[in-house]
Amino acid sequence: MFLKPTVRCYRHWWASHQWHTEGVRLPHSPPTPRVVYCVRARSLKNMSSTVPTKYWHTLEDGRVQCDLCPRFCRLSDGQRGLCFVRAAENGKVVLTTYGRSSGFCVDPIEKKPLNHFLPGTPILSFGTAGCNLACKFCQNWDISKSREWDRLNDAASPDLIARAAKDLGCSSVAFTYNDPVIFHEYAIDVADACRALGLKAVAVTAGYVNPEPRAEFYRHMDAANVDLKGFTEDFYYKICGAHLANVLETLEYLKKETSVWFEITTLLIPGENDSAAEIDAMTRWVMEHLGPDVPHHFSAFHPDWKMLDKERTPPETLQRARDIAIKNGLRYVYTGNIHDETGGSTYCHHCKKKLIGRDWYVLKEWHLTDTGACEFCGTPCAGVFNGPPGDWGAKRQPVRLANYE
């Protein structure tokens, strides 16, 4: 049983009911600093992580329907939606994982992947559990398909996450590993706490969300990477348990209705979504509906979850996809999950010279002005740039937010 919030912001309500001390920074030693943030809570086991939500309505038969995403899960009391984190409780739909995480880590922002948003900077990344899709090839299935609450062993208020990110030297915080759509309320409150400290909020998402919550969600985001998992309804329905049209609507909404910087990722699976015809149709659609400046990442699949019978994606398939996309007019097309300096680098669409040379996540060359223009010909490069690039490189730094009595 949760207490009804008396303030609009869940962050303030949750903090006032659960947390009663500030974070404590523990000592750390060079050369590879590791920061542990400890938050005193009454008890991690007894602490409620359930908060009210607003995107739902009551059906005539007494059940409640969740209206957050196009699944429209219809639930009786005690039932959870397919995402597993939104549930029916006392005739209402609640979020059951507010303030809980499967882990925190500082990554290079290029790993999201975002190649045109504050390049070279570190980003504090975290996720919760569950997902509103059912992708058979999920590369993070141990988190997104988790039904074990003991995976959510890190707990933190939005304010603590923002302070930790700031202290770690991060420029932004990413909601990733599983889709932030399903922890909508928590993600928004973290984003607001980050913005209050001058940090950016980044969503890594499949874009499977209904119009009203989508509009609210992206009002609080600064950047996103959206998975365009394929370009046929058959693939989305049979492999992902979803529908293509809803994702395309999200992409068009981001381009036409928001100022959110976004990039697209497509994981190419041999024999499923990697044909030249499908890639041609996909990139023609992107060019027509989103324009030439939205970066598109084609990433390599590896056997995982329920697709262990598939081979890894050959590098040639990714390079072919990149060639098709460029031929169709896209200016910034990348290969991912393989070592390919050419496919990982950024080029001026006017003079064709290399603007950002990348070796995996390490920036080896930089030929942009502080405002993001080509040093050679002055042509602007699409993206969000803020002076010289960061130098975080390929480092991955786990961060533990522990709780003590």
Protein backbone atom coordinates (compact mmCIF):
# COMPACT_ATOMS: atom_id res chain seq x y z
CA MET A 1 0.00 0.00 0.00
CA PHE A 2 1.55 3.30 -1.07
CA LEU A 3 0.93 6.78 0.27
CA LYS A 4 -0.66 9.21 -2.14
CA PRO A 5 1.83 11.97 -3.01
CA THR A 6 0.89 15.47 -1.96
CA VAL A 7 3.37 17.13 -4.33
CA ARG A 8 3.52 16.93 -8.11
CA CYS A 9 7.11 15.67 -8.31
CA TYR A 10 7.55 11.98 -7.44
CA ARG A 11 11.20 12.71 -6.70
CA HIS A 12 10.32 14.99 -3.79
CA TRP A 13 7.59 12.69 -2.53
CA TRP A 14 9.75 9.59 -2.64
CA ALA A 15 12.70 11.34 -1.04
CA SER A 16 10.55 12.72 1.76
CA HIS A 17 9.13 9.30 2.55
CA GLN A 18 12.22 7.13 2.17
CA TRP A 19 15.51 8.99 2.45
CA HIS A 20 16.78 10.95 5.40
CA THR A 21 20.50 11.53 4.89
CA GLU A 22 22.71 12.84 2.16
CA GLY A 23 25.09 10.68 0.16
CA VAL A 24 28.53 10.07 1.64
CA ARG A 25 31.54 9.96 -0.62
CA LEU A 26 34.04 7.33 0.43
CA PRO A 27 37.78 7.67 -0.16
CA HIS A 28 39.24 6.25 -3.33
CA SER A 29 42.75 5.78 -4.65
CA PRO A 30 44.42 6.45 -8.01
CA PRO A 31 45.25 5.46 -10.67
CA THR A 32 41.81 4.00 -11.43
CA PRO A 33 39.45 5.88 -9.12
CA ARG A 34 36.36 4.05 -7.98
CA VAL A 35 33.68 6.01 -6.18
CA VAL A 36 31.16 4.41 -3.88
CA TYR A 37 28.13 6.45 -2.87
CA CYS A 38 26.42 5.28 0.27
CA VAL A 39 22.91 6.37 1.11
CA ARG A 40 21.37 5.73 4.48
CA ALA A 41 17.87 4.34 4.21
CA ARG A 42 15.60 2.90 6.84
CA SER A 43 16.00 -0.54 5.29
CA LEU A 44 16.57 -1.63 1.72
CA LYS A 45 14.35 -4.66 2.20
CA ASN A 46 11.52 -2.71 3.79
CA MET A 47 11.79 0.38 1.62
CA SER A 48 8.85 0.80 -0.73
CA SER A 49 9.76 1.37 -4.37
CA THR A 50 6.11 1.55 -5.48
CA VAL A 51 4.72 4.87 -6.70
CA PRO A 52 1.49 5.95 -8.40
CA THR A 53 1.27 6.42 -12.16
CA LYS A 54 -1.22 8.32 -14.32
CA TYR A 55 -1.36 6.61 -17.72
CA TRP A 56 -4.11 4.08 -17.09
CA HIS A 57 -7.88 3.83 -16.83
CA THR A 58 -10.48 1.53 -15.30
CA LEU A 59 -12.35 -0.91 -17.56
CA GLU A 60 -16.01 -1.80 -17.29
CA ASP A 61 -15.18 -5.23 -15.88
CA GLY A 62 -13.21 -3.71 -12.99
CA ARG A 63 -9.76 -4.36 -14.39
CA VAL A 64 -7.34 -1.52 -15.15
CA GLN A 65 -5.67 -0.89 -18.49
CA CYS A 66 -2.14 0.49 -18.65
CA ASP A 67 -1.97 3.16 -21.35
CA LEU A 68 1.77 3.84 -21.24
CA CYS A 69 2.72 1.77 -24.28
CA PRO A 70 0.88 0.17 -27.22
CA ARG A 71 0.60 -3.17 -25.40
CA PHE A 72 -2.36 -1.81 -23.41
CA CYS A 73 -2.00 -4.49 -20.73
CA ARG A 74 -5.33 -5.22 -18.98
CA LEU A 75 -4.73 -6.19 -15.39
CA SER A 76 -6.59 -7.47 -12.37
CA ASP A 77 -5.31 -6.61 -8.91
CA GLY A 78 -2.03 -8.40 -8.27
CA GLN A 79 -1.15 -8.82 -11.94
CA ARG A 80 1.84 -7.26 -13.66
CA GLY A 81 2.13 -6.09 -17.25
CA LEU A 82 4.46 -7.72 -19.74
CA CYS A 83 7.14 -5.23 -18.68
CA PHE A 84 6.84 -6.76 -15.17
CA VAL A 85 7.47 -3.43 -13.41
CA ARG A 86 4.03 -1.85 -13.80
CA ALA A 87 1.31 -3.59 -11.84
CA ALA A 88 -2.32 -3.37 -10.74
CA GLU A 89 -2.62 -2.57 -7.04
CA ASN A 90 -5.78 -1.49 -5.25
CA GLY A 91 -7.48 -0.73 -8.55
CA LYS A 92 -4.67 1.46 -9.87
CA VAL A 93 -1.56 0.98 -12.00
CA VAL A 94 1.67 1.56 -10.08
CA LEU A 95 5.37 1.51 -10.88
CA THR A 96 7.14 -1.01 -8.64
CA THR A 97 10.81 -0.14 -9.30
CA TYR A 98 11.09 3.56 -8.51
CA GLY A 99 14.54 4.25 -7.08
CA ARG A 100 15.88 0.79 -7.85
CA SER A 101 18.60 -0.13 -10.33
CA SER A 102 20.44 -3.14 -11.69
CA GLY A 103 23.71 -1.18 -11.54
CA PHE A 104 25.55 2.03 -12.38
CA CYS A 105 28.56 2.52 -14.64
CA VAL A 106 30.42 5.40 -16.25
CA ASP A 107 30.78 4.76 -19.99
CA PRO A 108 31.95 6.71 -23.02
CA ILE A 109 28.92 8.38 -24.57
CA GLU A 110 29.80 6.77 -27.90
CA LYS A 111 28.82 3.43 -26.36
CA LYS A 112 25.11 4.38 -26.20
CA PRO A 113 25.78 4.89 -29.18
CA LEU A 114 25.75 8.66 -29.63
CA ASN A 115 28.48 9.99 -31.94
CA HIS A 116 27.19 13.54 -32.36
CA PHE A 117 26.24 14.44 -28.78
CA LEU A 118 29.08 15.83 -26.62
CA PRO A 119 31.70 13.46 -28.16
CA GLY A 120 34.37 12.02 -25.90
CA THR A 121 32.53 12.76 -22.66
CA PRO A 122 31.71 10.28 -19.88
CA ILE A 123 28.10 9.39 -19.13
CA LEU A 124 26.69 7.75 -15.99
CA SER A 125 24.60 4.81 -17.21
CA PHE A 126 21.99 2.78 -15.38
CA GLY A 127 18.86 0.71 -15.88
CA THR A 128 16.28 -1.10 -13.81
CA ALA A 129 14.65 -4.39 -14.83
CA GLY A 130 12.02 -5.51 -17.30
CA CYS A 131 11.06 -4.40 -20.82
CA ASN A 132 7.90 -3.80 -22.81
CA LEU A 133 9.21 -5.66 -25.85
CA ALA A 134 9.95 -9.36 -26.20
CA CYS A 135 12.92 -9.38 -28.58
CA LYS A 136 14.23 -12.90 -29.08
CA PHE A 137 17.72 -11.54 -29.75
CA CYS A 138 17.97 -9.27 -26.69
CA GLN A 139 21.61 -8.52 -25.90
CA ASN A 140 20.74 -7.40 -22.35
CA TRP A 141 18.26 -10.18 -21.58
CA ASP A 142 19.62 -10.82 -18.08
CA ILE A 143 18.39 -7.33 -17.16
CA SER A 144 15.47 -6.69 -19.50
CA LYS A 145 13.93 -10.14 -18.95
CA SER A 146 14.75 -10.30 -15.27
CA ARG A 147 11.96 -11.28 -12.88
CA GLU A 148 14.26 -11.42 -9.87
CA TRP A 149 14.05 -8.40 -7.61
CA ASP A 150 17.43 -9.19 -6.07
CA ARG A 151 19.00 -7.95 -9.32
CA LEU A 152 17.86 -4.48 -8.28
CA ASN A 153 20.49 -4.26 -5.58
CA ASP A 154 21.32 -0.58 -6.03
CA ALA A 155 18.95 2.06 -4.75
CA ALA A 156 19.23 5.77 -5.23
CA SER A 157 17.11 8.89 -5.24
CA PRO A 158 17.13 11.06 -8.38
CA ASP A 159 19.05 13.77 -6.53
CA LEU A 160 21.76 11.32 -5.47
CA ILE A 161 22.20 10.05 -9.02
CA ALA A 162 22.60 13.61 -10.30
CA ARG A 163 25.11 14.50 -7.58
CA ALA A 164 27.09 11.32 -8.23
CA ALA A 165 27.20 12.01 -11.97
CA LYS A 166 28.36 15.57 -11.34
CA ASP A 167 31.06 14.50 -8.89
CA LEU A 168 32.29 11.82 -11.31
CA GLY A 169 32.80 14.44 -14.00
CA CYS A 170 30.02 13.18 -16.25
CA SER A 171 28.26 15.50 -18.67
CA SER A 172 25.10 13.44 -18.76
CA VAL A 173 23.15 10.48 -17.38
CA ALA A 174 21.81 7.66 -19.57
CA PHE A 175 18.76 5.50 -19.00
CA THR A 176 19.89 2.31 -20.68
CA TYR A 177 20.35 -1.49 -20.34
CA ASN A 178 16.54 -1.72 -20.36
CA ASP A 179 13.97 0.68 -21.80
CA PRO A 180 13.29 3.81 -19.71
CA VAL A 181 9.77 3.97 -21.11
CA ILE A 182 8.71 1.42 -18.49
CA PHE A 183 10.17 3.39 -15.56
CA HIS A 184 8.75 6.63 -16.94
CA GLU A 185 8.23 8.39 -13.58
CA TYR A 186 11.69 7.56 -12.21
CA ALA A 187 13.44 8.53 -15.46
CA ILE A 188 11.69 11.91 -15.58
CA ASP A 189 12.57 12.72 -11.98
CA VAL A 190 16.22 11.74 -12.53
CA ALA A 191 16.29 13.86 -15.69
CA ASP A 192 14.95 16.87 -13.80
CA ALA A 193 17.50 16.41 -11.03
CA CYS A 194 20.26 16.24 -13.65
CA ARG A 195 19.11 19.38 -15.43
CA ALA A 196 19.10 21.23 -12.12
CA LEU A 197 22.86 20.54 -11.91
CA GLY A 198 23.57 21.36 -15.54
CA LEU A 199 23.70 17.75 -16.72
CA LYS A 200 21.99 16.27 -19.77
CA ALA A 201 19.54 13.34 -19.79
CA VAL A 202 19.84 10.61 -22.42
CA ALA A 203 17.30 7.88 -23.22
CA VAL A 204 18.30 4.63 -24.95
CA THR A 205 14.97 3.26 -26.09
CA ALA A 206 13.01 1.16 -28.54
CA GLY A 207 10.55 4.03 -28.95
CA TYR A 208 7.53 1.83 -28.18
CA VAL A 209 5.34 4.30 -26.31
CA ASN A 210 1.95 5.95 -26.67
CA PRO A 211 1.59 9.60 -27.79
CA GLU A 212 0.62 11.28 -24.49
CA PRO A 213 3.32 9.72 -22.28
CA ARG A 214 5.79 10.09 -25.15
CA ALA A 215 5.25 13.85 -25.21
CA GLU A 216 5.71 14.13 -21.44
CA PHE A 217 8.78 11.87 -21.42
CA TYR A 218 10.69 13.73 -24.12
CA ARG A 219 10.01 17.14 -22.59
CA HIS A 220 12.55 16.06 -19.99
CA MET A 221 15.15 14.46 -22.32
CA ASP A 222 18.06 16.09 -24.13
CA ALA A 223 19.13 13.21 -26.36
CA ALA A 224 18.08 9.71 -27.34
CA ASN A 225 19.21 6.69 -29.24
CA VAL A 226 16.22 4.89 -30.72
CA ASP A 227 16.39 1.27 -31.84
CA LEU A 228 14.84 0.80 -35.26
CA LYS A 229 15.02 -2.97 -35.01
CA GLY A 230 13.94 -3.77 -38.54
CA PHE A 231 11.75 -2.43 -41.28
CA THR A 232 8.98 -5.00 -41.70
CA GLU A 233 5.89 -5.57 -39.59
CA ASP A 234 6.59 -9.29 -39.79
CA PHE A 235 9.97 -8.87 -38.09
CA TYR A 236 8.59 -6.62 -35.37
CA TYR A 237 5.62 -8.85 -34.66
CA LYS A 238 7.32 -12.27 -34.76
CA ILE A 239 10.75 -11.39 -33.38
CA CYS A 240 10.03 -8.44 -31.06
CA GLY A 241 6.37 -8.89 -30.11
CA ALA A 242 5.64 -5.32 -31.17
CA HIS A 243 4.59 -3.21 -34.16
CA LEU A 244 6.76 -1.17 -36.51
CA ALA A 245 4.33 1.72 -36.99
CA ASN A 246 4.52 2.86 -33.35
CA VAL A 247 8.31 3.15 -33.53
CA LEU A 248 8.18 5.11 -36.77
CA GLU A 249 5.69 7.48 -35.12
CA THR A 250 8.16 8.08 -32.28
CA LEU A 251 10.97 8.84 -34.73
CA GLU A 252 8.82 11.32 -36.64
CA TYR A 253 7.63 12.89 -33.40
CA LEU A 254 11.21 13.42 -32.21
CA LYS A 255 12.21 15.04 -35.49
CA LYS A 256 9.18 17.24 -36.04
CA GLU A 257 7.92 18.07 -32.56
CA THR A 258 10.97 18.25 -30.28
CA SER A 259 14.49 19.64 -30.02
CA VAL A 260 15.83 16.33 -28.67
CA TRP A 261 19.00 15.22 -30.43
CA PHE A 262 18.57 11.61 -31.51
CA GLU A 263 20.38 8.88 -33.38
CA ILE A 264 19.16 5.53 -34.67
CA THR A 265 20.58 2.05 -34.14
CA THR A 266 19.73 -1.08 -36.12
CA LEU A 267 21.13 -4.43 -35.00
CA LEU A 268 21.53 -6.51 -38.17
CA ILE A 269 20.70 -10.19 -37.67
CA PRO A 270 21.74 -12.63 -40.42
CA GLY A 271 18.72 -13.85 -42.36
CA GLU A 272 16.23 -11.76 -40.40
CA ASN A 273 16.56 -8.03 -41.11
CA ASP A 274 19.81 -7.69 -43.06
CA SER A 275 18.74 -7.95 -46.70
CA ALA A 276 19.83 -5.22 -49.07
CA ALA A 277 16.18 -4.58 -49.99
CA GLU A 278 15.12 -4.02 -46.36
CA ILE A 279 18.07 -1.77 -45.59
CA ASP A 280 17.37 0.18 -48.77
CA ALA A 281 13.71 0.65 -47.81
CA MET A 282 14.60 1.61 -44.24
CA THR A 283 17.18 4.22 -45.15
CA ARG A 284 14.98 5.67 -47.89
CA TRP A 285 12.25 6.12 -45.26
CA VAL A 286 14.71 7.77 -42.87
CA MET A 287 15.88 10.13 -45.60
CA GLU A 288 12.33 11.05 -46.63
CA HIS A 289 10.79 11.43 -43.17
CA LEU A 290 13.71 12.43 -40.93
CA GLY A 291 16.20 13.99 -43.32
CA PRO A 292 19.91 13.39 -44.01
CA ASP A 293 21.34 14.54 -40.67
CA VAL A 294 20.04 11.85 -38.28
CA PRO A 295 23.00 9.52 -37.61
CA HIS A 296 22.31 5.82 -38.22
CA HIS A 297 24.32 3.04 -36.56
CA PHE A 298 24.33 -0.49 -38.01
CA SER A 299 25.52 -2.86 -35.28
CA ALA A 300 26.67 -6.46 -35.28
CA PHE A 301 24.54 -9.16 -33.68
CA HIS A 302 25.97 -11.92 -31.53
CA PRO A 303 24.02 -15.07 -30.57
CA ASP A 304 22.07 -14.46 -27.37
CA TRP A 305 18.84 -15.10 -25.46
CA LYS A 306 16.54 -17.10 -27.76
CA MET A 307 18.61 -16.68 -30.93
CA LEU A 308 21.57 -18.89 -30.20
CA ASP A 309 21.26 -20.60 -33.58
CA LYS A 310 22.19 -17.49 -35.56
CA GLU A 311 25.72 -16.63 -36.65
CA ARG A 312 27.41 -13.36 -35.78
CA THR A 313 26.89 -10.58 -38.25
CA PRO A 314 29.74 -10.53 -40.81
CA PRO A 315 31.54 -7.15 -41.02
CA GLU A 316 30.76 -7.12 -44.74
CA THR A 317 27.03 -6.94 -43.97
CA LEU A 318 27.49 -3.83 -41.86
CA GLN A 319 29.72 -2.18 -44.43
CA ARG A 320 27.18 -2.96 -47.16
CA ALA A 321 24.39 -1.42 -45.05
CA ARG A 322 26.50 1.69 -44.54
CA ASP A 323 27.13 1.98 -48.28
CA ILE A 324 23.40 1.65 -49.05
CA ALA A 325 22.47 4.31 -46.50
CA ILE A 326 25.07 6.75 -47.79
CA LYS A 327 23.93 6.14 -51.38
CA ASN A 328 20.37 6.99 -50.26
CA GLY A 329 21.54 10.35 -48.94
CA LEU A 330 22.24 9.83 -45.23
CA ARG A 331 25.29 11.83 -44.18
CA TYR A 332 26.35 10.14 -40.94
CA VAL A 333 26.28 6.34 -41.05
CA TYR A 334 28.27 4.10 -38.72
CA THR A 335 29.14 0.47 -38.15
CA GLY A 336 29.12 -0.84 -34.59
CA ASN A 337 30.24 -3.81 -32.49
CA ILE A 338 33.13 -4.39 -34.91
CA HIS A 339 36.55 -2.79 -35.27
CA ASP A 340 36.14 -0.51 -38.28
CA GLU A 341 37.86 2.88 -38.08
CA THR A 342 36.34 4.02 -41.36
CA GLY A 343 32.82 2.99 -40.35
CA GLY A 344 33.26 4.48 -36.88
CA SER A 345 34.50 7.89 -37.97
CA THR A 346 32.62 11.05 -38.91
CA TYR A 347 33.14 12.78 -42.26
CA CYS A 348 32.17 16.19 -43.60
CA HIS A 349 29.29 15.71 -46.01
CA HIS A 350 30.55 18.63 -48.13
CA CYS A 351 34.33 18.26 -48.51
CA LYS A 352 34.37 14.56 -47.45
CA LYS A 353 37.32 15.04 -45.09
CA LYS A 354 37.46 13.23 -41.76
CA LEU A 355 36.06 15.32 -38.91
CA ILE A 356 36.23 12.85 -36.01
CA GLY A 357 38.53 9.84 -36.23
CA ARG A 358 37.48 7.01 -33.92
CA ASP A 359 39.20 3.76 -32.96
CA TRP A 360 36.45 1.95 -31.09
CA TYR A 361 35.51 4.60 -28.48
CA VAL A 362 38.80 6.50 -28.57
CA LEU A 363 38.86 9.81 -30.44
CA LYS A 364 42.08 9.87 -32.50
CA GLU A 365 41.37 12.90 -34.72
CA TRP A 366 39.29 16.05 -34.22
CA HIS A 367 38.70 18.58 -36.97
CA LEU A 368 35.66 20.49 -35.75
CA THR A 369 35.47 24.05 -34.49
CA ASP A 370 34.03 24.66 -31.03
CA THR A 371 30.65 25.27 -32.67
CA GLY A 372 30.73 22.00 -34.61
CA ALA A 373 31.82 23.19 -38.08
CA CYS A 374 34.33 21.51 -40.40
CA GLU A 375 37.81 23.01 -39.91
CA PHE A 376 38.56 22.50 -43.59
CA CYS A 377 35.55 24.03 -45.34
CA GLY A 378 33.39 25.53 -42.60
CA THR A 379 30.35 23.31 -43.24
CA PRO A 380 28.36 22.66 -40.03
CA CYS A 381 28.29 19.09 -38.75
CA ALA A 382 24.91 18.11 -37.31
CA GLY A 383 24.96 17.42 -33.60
CA VAL A 384 25.41 18.90 -30.14
CA PHE A 385 28.95 20.12 -29.55
CA ASN A 386 30.32 22.17 -26.70
CA GLY A 387 33.85 23.28 -27.40
CA PRO A 388 36.73 20.77 -27.49
CA PRO A 389 35.87 17.07 -27.19
CA GLY A 390 36.13 15.09 -24.00
CA ASP A 391 38.97 12.65 -23.41
CA TRP A 392 37.20 9.87 -21.52
CA GLY A 393 38.20 7.29 -24.12
CA ALA A 394 37.12 3.66 -23.81
CA LYS A 395 37.17 3.44 -20.01
CA ARG A 396 34.34 1.66 -18.23
CA GLN A 397 34.05 2.50 -14.53
CA PRO A 398 31.50 0.64 -12.39
CA VAL A 399 29.96 2.79 -9.66
CA ARG A 400 28.29 1.25 -6.62
CA LEU A 401 25.51 3.02 -4.78
CA ALA A 402 25.23 0.99 -1.61
CA ASN A 403 22.80 1.33 1.30
CA TYR A 404 23.59 1.18 4.99
CA GLU A 405 21.58 1.32 8.15
